[in-house]
Protein backbone atom coordinates (compact mmCIF):
# COMPACT_ATOMS: atom_id res chain seq x y z
CA UNK A 1 0.00 0.00 0.00
CA UNK A 2 1.24 3.50 -0.83
CA UNK A 3 2.23 5.58 2.19
CA UNK A 4 2.47 9.33 2.62
CA UNK A 5 3.57 11.58 5.46
CA UNK A 6 1.29 14.29 4.08
CA UNK A 7 -1.97 12.60 5.02
CA UNK A 8 -3.13 11.05 8.30
CA UNK A 9 -5.55 8.17 7.76
CA UNK A 10 -7.74 6.79 10.53
CA UNK A 11 -6.57 3.33 11.54
CA UNK A 12 -9.97 1.66 11.88
CA UNK A 13 -13.15 2.47 9.96
CA UNK A 14 -15.47 -0.53 10.44
CA UNK A 15 -17.98 0.58 7.78
CA UNK A 16 -15.23 0.67 5.15
CA UNK A 17 -12.98 -2.11 6.36
CA UNK A 18 -15.81 -4.50 5.53
CA UNK A 19 -15.95 -3.11 2.00
CA UNK A 20 -16.62 -6.55 0.55
CA UNK A 21 -20.12 -6.27 2.07
CA UNK A 22 -20.85 -3.01 0.20
CA UNK A 23 -23.12 -3.41 -2.81
CA UNK A 24 -21.47 -1.81 -5.83
CA UNK A 25 -18.10 -0.05 -5.96
CA UNK A 26 -16.59 1.91 -3.08
CA UNK A 27 -16.30 5.44 -4.48
CA UNK A 28 -14.14 8.42 -3.59
CA UNK A 29 -15.62 11.74 -4.76
CA UNK A 30 -13.06 14.53 -5.26
CA UNK A 31 -14.00 18.22 -5.17
CA UNK A 32 -11.26 20.82 -4.75
CA UNK A 33 -12.15 24.49 -4.26
CA UNK A 34 -10.32 26.65 -6.75
CA UNK A 35 -9.73 26.46 -10.47
CA UNK A 36 -12.52 24.07 -11.54
CA UNK A 37 -15.43 25.66 -9.70
CA UNK A 38 -17.24 28.22 -11.87
CA UNK A 39 -20.60 29.11 -10.39
CA UNK A 40 -19.50 27.35 -7.17
CA UNK A 41 -21.16 24.32 -8.73
CA UNK A 42 -18.74 21.63 -7.56
CA UNK A 43 -18.39 23.19 -4.12
CA UNK A 44 -22.17 23.40 -3.72
CA UNK A 45 -22.47 19.79 -4.82
CA UNK A 46 -19.95 18.72 -2.18
CA UNK A 47 -21.74 20.68 0.56
CA UNK A 48 -25.01 19.08 -0.48
CA UNK A 49 -23.52 15.60 -0.18
CA UNK A 50 -22.55 16.36 3.41
CA UNK A 51 -25.94 17.93 4.18
CA UNK A 52 -27.97 14.95 2.95
CA UNK A 53 -25.68 12.21 4.26
CA UNK A 54 -27.70 9.73 6.30
CA UNK A 55 -25.98 9.68 9.67
CA UNK A 56 -22.71 11.28 10.79
CA UNK A 57 -20.00 12.36 8.34
CA UNK A 58 -16.80 11.40 10.16
CA UNK A 59 -13.37 12.48 8.92
CA UNK A 60 -11.35 9.39 7.98
CA UNK A 61 -8.29 11.15 6.52
CA UNK A 62 -6.71 14.58 7.01
CA UNK A 63 -4.15 16.13 4.68
CA UNK A 64 -1.32 18.37 5.90
CA UNK A 65 -2.74 21.67 4.65
CA UNK A 66 0.40 23.59 5.62
CA UNK A 67 2.33 21.56 3.04
CA UNK A 68 -0.04 22.51 0.21
CA UNK A 69 -1.65 25.88 0.97
CA UNK A 70 -0.27 29.30 -0.01
CA UNK A 71 -1.59 31.45 2.84
CA UNK A 72 -0.45 34.70 1.25
CA UNK A 73 -2.32 33.98 -1.98
CA UNK A 74 -5.48 32.78 -0.24
CA UNK A 75 -5.60 34.32 3.22
CA UNK A 76 -8.05 32.61 5.60
CA UNK A 77 -10.66 34.88 7.18
CA UNK A 78 -10.67 35.78 10.86
CA UNK A 79 -13.08 37.84 12.93
CA UNK A 80 -11.93 40.95 14.80
CA UNK A 81 -14.33 41.45 17.72
CA UNK A 82 -13.83 44.87 19.31
CA UNK A 83 -10.38 44.23 20.79
CA UNK A 84 -9.43 40.66 19.88
CA UNK A 85 -9.35 38.11 17.07
CA UNK A 86 -11.52 35.00 17.03
CA UNK A 87 -13.06 32.39 14.72
CA UNK A 88 -10.04 31.83 12.52
CA UNK A 89 -11.28 30.02 9.41
CA UNK A 90 -8.51 27.45 9.08
CA UNK A 91 -8.39 25.71 5.69
CA UNK A 92 -9.05 21.98 5.88
CA UNK A 93 -8.41 19.31 3.29
CA UNK A 94 -10.11 16.14 4.49
CA UNK A 95 -11.79 12.91 3.47
CA UNK A 96 -15.19 12.23 5.02
CA UNK A 97 -17.21 9.05 5.02
CA UNK A 98 -20.77 9.75 3.90
CA UNK A 99 -23.81 7.59 3.26
CA UNK A 100 -26.31 7.96 0.45
CA UNK A 101 -30.10 7.82 0.84
CA UNK A 102 -29.97 4.02 0.97
CA UNK A 103 -27.20 3.92 3.58
CA UNK A 104 -24.41 2.98 1.16
CA UNK A 105 -21.07 4.40 2.36
CA UNK A 106 -18.76 6.40 0.11
CA UNK A 107 -15.93 8.92 0.56
CA UNK A 108 -15.69 12.65 -0.17
CA UNK A 109 -12.34 14.45 -0.48
CA UNK A 110 -13.04 18.14 -0.19
CA UNK A 111 -11.10 21.31 0.59
CA UNK A 112 -8.92 23.98 -1.02
CA UNK A 113 -7.01 22.94 -4.12
CA UNK A 114 -3.30 22.58 -3.25
CA UNK A 115 -1.27 25.57 -4.43
CA UNK A 116 1.92 23.53 -4.64
CA UNK A 117 3.40 20.03 -4.35
CA UNK A 118 0.81 18.52 -6.67
CA UNK A 119 2.79 15.34 -7.23
CA UNK A 120 3.08 14.80 -3.48
CA UNK A 121 -0.64 15.46 -3.12
CA UNK A 122 -1.41 12.86 -5.80
CA UNK A 123 0.67 10.31 -3.89
CA UNK A 124 -1.22 11.17 -0.70
CA UNK A 125 -4.54 10.62 -2.48
CA UNK A 126 -3.19 7.29 -3.71
CA UNK A 127 -2.51 6.33 -0.09
CA UNK A 128 -6.17 7.00 0.75
CA UNK A 129 -7.39 5.06 -2.30
CA UNK A 130 -5.27 2.02 -1.44
CA UNK A 131 -5.92 2.14 2.31
CA UNK A 132 -9.68 1.90 1.81
CA UNK A 133 -9.58 -0.25 -1.35
CA UNK A 134 -11.44 2.40 -3.33
CA UNK A 135 -12.82 1.01 -6.60
CA UNK A 136 -13.53 4.27 -8.40
CA UNK A 137 -12.56 7.94 -8.01
CA UNK A 138 -15.03 10.50 -9.37
CA UNK A 139 -14.11 14.18 -9.64
CA UNK A 140 -16.56 17.05 -10.06
CA UNK A 141 -15.80 20.43 -11.61
CA UNK A 142 -17.25 23.34 -13.55
CA UNK A 143 -15.96 25.89 -16.07
CA UNK A 144 -17.44 29.04 -17.66
CA UNK A 145 -18.60 28.57 -21.24
CA UNK A 146 -20.48 30.55 -23.89
CA UNK A 147 -23.73 28.64 -23.29
CA UNK A 148 -27.21 29.89 -22.34
CA UNK A 149 -28.87 29.02 -19.04
CA UNK A 150 -32.14 28.40 -20.92
CA UNK A 151 -30.95 25.20 -22.58
CA UNK A 152 -30.13 21.77 -21.11
CA UNK A 153 -26.92 21.68 -19.08
CA UNK A 154 -23.95 20.33 -20.99
CA UNK A 155 -21.04 18.51 -19.40
CA UNK A 156 -17.67 17.13 -20.40
CA UNK A 157 -17.07 13.49 -19.43
CA UNK A 158 -13.49 12.33 -18.92
CA UNK A 159 -11.64 9.33 -17.48
CA UNK A 160 -8.22 7.72 -17.25
CA UNK A 161 -9.75 4.48 -18.55
CA UNK A 162 -11.57 4.74 -21.91
CA UNK A 163 -14.01 2.02 -20.85
CA UNK A 164 -15.43 4.43 -18.26
CA UNK A 165 -16.44 7.06 -20.82
CA UNK A 166 -19.95 6.03 -21.80
CA UNK A 167 -21.02 9.30 -23.47
CA UNK A 168 -19.59 10.32 -26.82
CA UNK A 169 -17.52 13.48 -26.52
CA UNK A 170 -18.50 16.50 -28.63
CA UNK A 171 -14.82 17.46 -28.79
CA UNK A 172 -13.26 16.18 -32.01
CA UNK A 173 -9.71 17.45 -31.56
CA UNK A 174 -7.19 18.42 -28.92
CA UNK A 175 -6.86 21.60 -26.91
CA UNK A 176 -4.22 22.73 -24.41
CA UNK A 177 -5.76 24.02 -21.21
CA UNK A 178 -4.40 25.04 -17.78
CA UNK A 179 -4.05 22.04 -15.49
CA UNK A 180 -5.11 21.60 -11.87
CA UNK A 181 -4.32 19.37 -8.92
CA UNK A 182 -7.59 17.54 -9.56
CA UNK A 183 -6.56 16.77 -13.14
CA UNK A 184 -3.13 15.55 -12.08
CA UNK A 185 -4.65 13.18 -9.52
CA UNK A 186 -6.73 11.55 -12.26
CA UNK A 187 -3.68 11.17 -14.52
CA UNK A 188 -1.45 9.73 -11.80
CA UNK A 189 -4.10 7.33 -10.53
CA UNK A 190 -4.29 5.97 -14.06
CA UNK A 191 -0.52 5.48 -14.05
CA UNK A 192 -0.90 3.50 -10.80
CA UNK A 193 -3.73 1.32 -12.09
CA UNK A 194 -6.66 3.00 -10.32
CA UNK A 195 -9.81 3.96 -12.23
CA UNK A 196 -10.82 7.61 -12.12
CA UNK A 197 -13.42 9.52 -14.06
CA UNK A 198 -15.04 12.92 -13.79
CA UNK A 199 -17.59 15.42 -14.98
CA UNK A 200 -17.16 19.11 -15.75
CA UNK A 201 -20.32 21.21 -15.99
CA UNK A 202 -20.45 24.07 -18.49
CA UNK A 203 -21.57 27.23 -16.68
CA UNK A 204 -23.04 30.19 -18.61
CA UNK A 205 -20.25 32.76 -18.50
CA UNK A 206 -22.61 35.53 -17.38
CA UNK A 207 -23.44 33.71 -14.12
CA UNK A 208 -20.02 32.14 -13.48
CA UNK A 209 -19.37 34.38 -10.47
CA UNK A 210 -22.71 33.55 -8.85
CA UNK A 211 -23.79 30.39 -7.07
CA UNK A 212 -25.38 28.33 -9.84
CA UNK A 213 -27.07 25.31 -8.21
CA UNK A 214 -28.50 23.98 -11.50
CA UNK A 215 -24.98 22.88 -12.40
CA UNK A 216 -24.56 21.24 -8.99
CA UNK A 217 -27.72 19.23 -9.71
CA UNK A 218 -26.35 18.13 -13.09
CA UNK A 219 -23.05 17.04 -11.54
CA UNK A 220 -24.72 15.02 -8.80
CA UNK A 221 -27.06 13.35 -11.29
CA UNK A 222 -23.97 12.11 -13.13
CA UNK A 223 -22.40 11.01 -9.84
CA UNK A 224 -25.49 8.95 -9.05
CA UNK A 225 -25.15 7.09 -12.34
CA UNK A 226 -21.38 6.61 -12.18
CA UNK A 227 -21.19 5.58 -8.52
CA UNK A 228 -24.54 3.78 -8.20
CA UNK A 229 -25.57 6.12 -5.40
CA UNK A 230 -28.97 7.55 -4.50
CA UNK A 231 -28.87 11.23 -3.54
CA UNK A 232 -31.83 13.37 -2.49
CA UNK A 233 -31.63 16.42 -4.77
CA UNK A 234 -34.95 18.03 -3.74
CA UNK A 235 -33.45 20.99 -1.88
CA UNK A 236 -30.84 21.63 -4.56
CA UNK A 237 -33.45 21.58 -7.33
CA UNK A 238 -35.48 24.15 -5.40
CA UNK A 239 -32.42 26.39 -5.16
CA UNK A 240 -31.84 26.00 -8.89
CA UNK A 241 -35.42 26.98 -9.72
CA UNK A 242 -35.18 30.04 -7.49
CA UNK A 243 -31.93 31.16 -9.11
CA UNK A 244 -33.33 30.65 -12.63
CA UNK A 245 -36.28 32.83 -11.66
CA UNK A 246 -33.94 35.57 -10.44
CA UNK A 247 -31.97 35.48 -13.69
CA UNK A 248 -35.17 35.55 -15.80
CA UNK A 249 -36.48 38.60 -13.93
CA UNK A 250 -33.17 40.38 -14.38
CA UNK A 251 -33.04 39.69 -18.12
CA UNK A 252 -36.60 40.98 -18.57
CA UNK A 253 -35.39 44.36 -17.35
CA UNK A 254 -32.03 44.41 -19.18
CA UNK A 255 -32.53 44.07 -22.93
CA UNK A 256 -28.85 44.31 -23.90
CA UNK A 257 -27.85 41.38 -21.71
CA UNK A 258 -30.95 39.48 -22.85
CA UNK A 259 -29.77 39.98 -26.47
CA UNK A 260 -26.51 38.23 -25.63
CA UNK A 261 -28.41 35.31 -24.11
CA UNK A 262 -30.60 35.04 -27.22
CA UNK A 263 -27.47 34.96 -29.40
CA UNK A 264 -26.11 32.14 -27.27
CA UNK A 265 -29.42 30.31 -27.65
CA UNK A 266 -29.14 30.54 -31.45
CA UNK A 267 -25.58 29.23 -31.25
CA UNK A 268 -26.58 26.36 -28.96
CA UNK A 269 -29.52 25.40 -31.18
CA UNK A 270 -27.37 25.51 -34.32
CA UNK A 271 -24.82 23.21 -32.70
CA UNK A 272 -27.57 20.84 -31.54
CA UNK A 273 -29.10 20.64 -35.03
CA UNK A 274 -25.70 20.07 -36.60
CA UNK A 275 -24.88 17.31 -34.12
CA UNK A 276 -28.21 15.56 -34.78
CA UNK A 277 -27.62 15.65 -38.53
CA UNK A 278 -24.01 14.54 -38.20
CA UNK A 279 -22.68 17.67 -39.90
CA UNK A 280 -19.97 20.05 -38.74
CA UNK A 281 -20.72 21.52 -35.33
CA UNK A 282 -19.26 24.84 -36.38
CA UNK A 283 -22.36 26.41 -37.88
CA UNK A 284 -21.50 29.46 -39.95
CA UNK A 285 -24.93 30.91 -40.65
CA UNK A 286 -25.76 32.07 -37.14
CA UNK A 287 -25.12 35.64 -35.93
CA UNK A 288 -22.94 35.21 -32.84
CA UNK A 289 -21.65 37.84 -30.42
CA UNK A 290 -17.98 38.74 -30.68
CA UNK A 291 -15.60 38.19 -27.78
CA UNK A 292 -15.57 41.93 -27.15
CA UNK A 293 -19.38 42.03 -27.06
CA UNK A 294 -19.53 39.08 -24.67
CA UNK A 295 -16.97 40.68 -22.38
CA UNK A 296 -18.77 44.03 -22.38
CA UNK A 297 -22.16 42.52 -21.63
CA UNK A 298 -20.65 40.22 -18.99
CA UNK A 299 -19.26 43.27 -17.18
CA UNK A 300 -22.62 45.01 -17.53
CA UNK A 301 -24.40 41.95 -16.13
CA UNK A 302 -22.13 41.77 -13.08
CA UNK A 303 -22.41 45.52 -12.53
CA UNK A 304 -26.19 45.15 -12.51
CA UNK A 305 -25.98 42.44 -9.88
CA UNK A 306 -23.99 44.74 -7.60
CA UNK A 307 -26.52 47.57 -7.98
CA UNK A 308 -29.51 48.42 -5.79
CA UNK A 309 -32.03 46.50 -7.92
CA UNK A 310 -33.63 43.96 -5.60
CA UNK A 311 -34.78 41.89 -8.56
CA UNK A 312 -31.24 41.18 -9.79
CA UNK A 313 -30.04 37.61 -9.30
CA UNK A 314 -27.70 37.43 -6.35
CA UNK A 315 -29.60 40.13 -4.43
CA UNK A 316 -31.53 37.53 -2.46
CA UNK A 317 -30.04 36.09 0.70
CA UNK A 318 -27.09 33.84 -0.05
CA UNK A 319 -27.15 34.76 -3.73
CA UNK A 320 -23.57 35.82 -4.38
CA UNK A 321 -20.49 33.71 -4.17
CA UNK A 322 -18.66 34.13 -0.91
């Protein structure tokens, strides 16, 4: 078994040490706050998993945050109360044991994405995977994309084992993108013979800085299928409906931003028609906004959210990303 000085793993976890009695695979869900979390979708999904876990959510592994966290780049919050400091919000990178609606145990690795020592972090995750005989690692993430919120959520499926990718990818070529600790973990686990797959939700760029629970719902629906888990999504779906209503009311009162959304709808529909017909996805007969237009309207949208208009999405309690 792989060992690491950068993670402390609980010696005895009866519910997991009898993993042969668990129906289906033992799954480790990975959600790291940072790069792959547009719309706070992955983070909200992770919080929801903890909230709806049936029974306690004990910590079964703790990573050495001091070895991975850049405190000057991401300074933890602390409260100053009149003449003293209190409630220091220490970053934590932990693995919890959760249970789905049917009582099936699974693991959740959640916390701030390491700022450094990614290779060491990957080895520490390997130690957790091999200590608990994890069968499958599933990562959740989200990125901003030029897609409208009025169309079905799209996701990118990926895995270090091609047999795990059950949905045909719309991407026909290669693209170089910035990496992340979460991505490296998936690559290294593949090198070490451990299956890992993941889902990245595509967040409308104009709401990427807001909490966007619809994407969290989409991610957890995919997790249910991949991990054979049953998760109560009622509360999250209610949040998603409320946020969609806020966005719709805002667009009704802001024609220029609404025009951008309509252009994205035309683009989405053109791509969908092309995909159904098997033709080139790059439709050329649709009027699309330029990058400059998207950027300008995105700034206008965010400025509107920060204004005094109570109908703007994000103005309700808990609407903006902390």
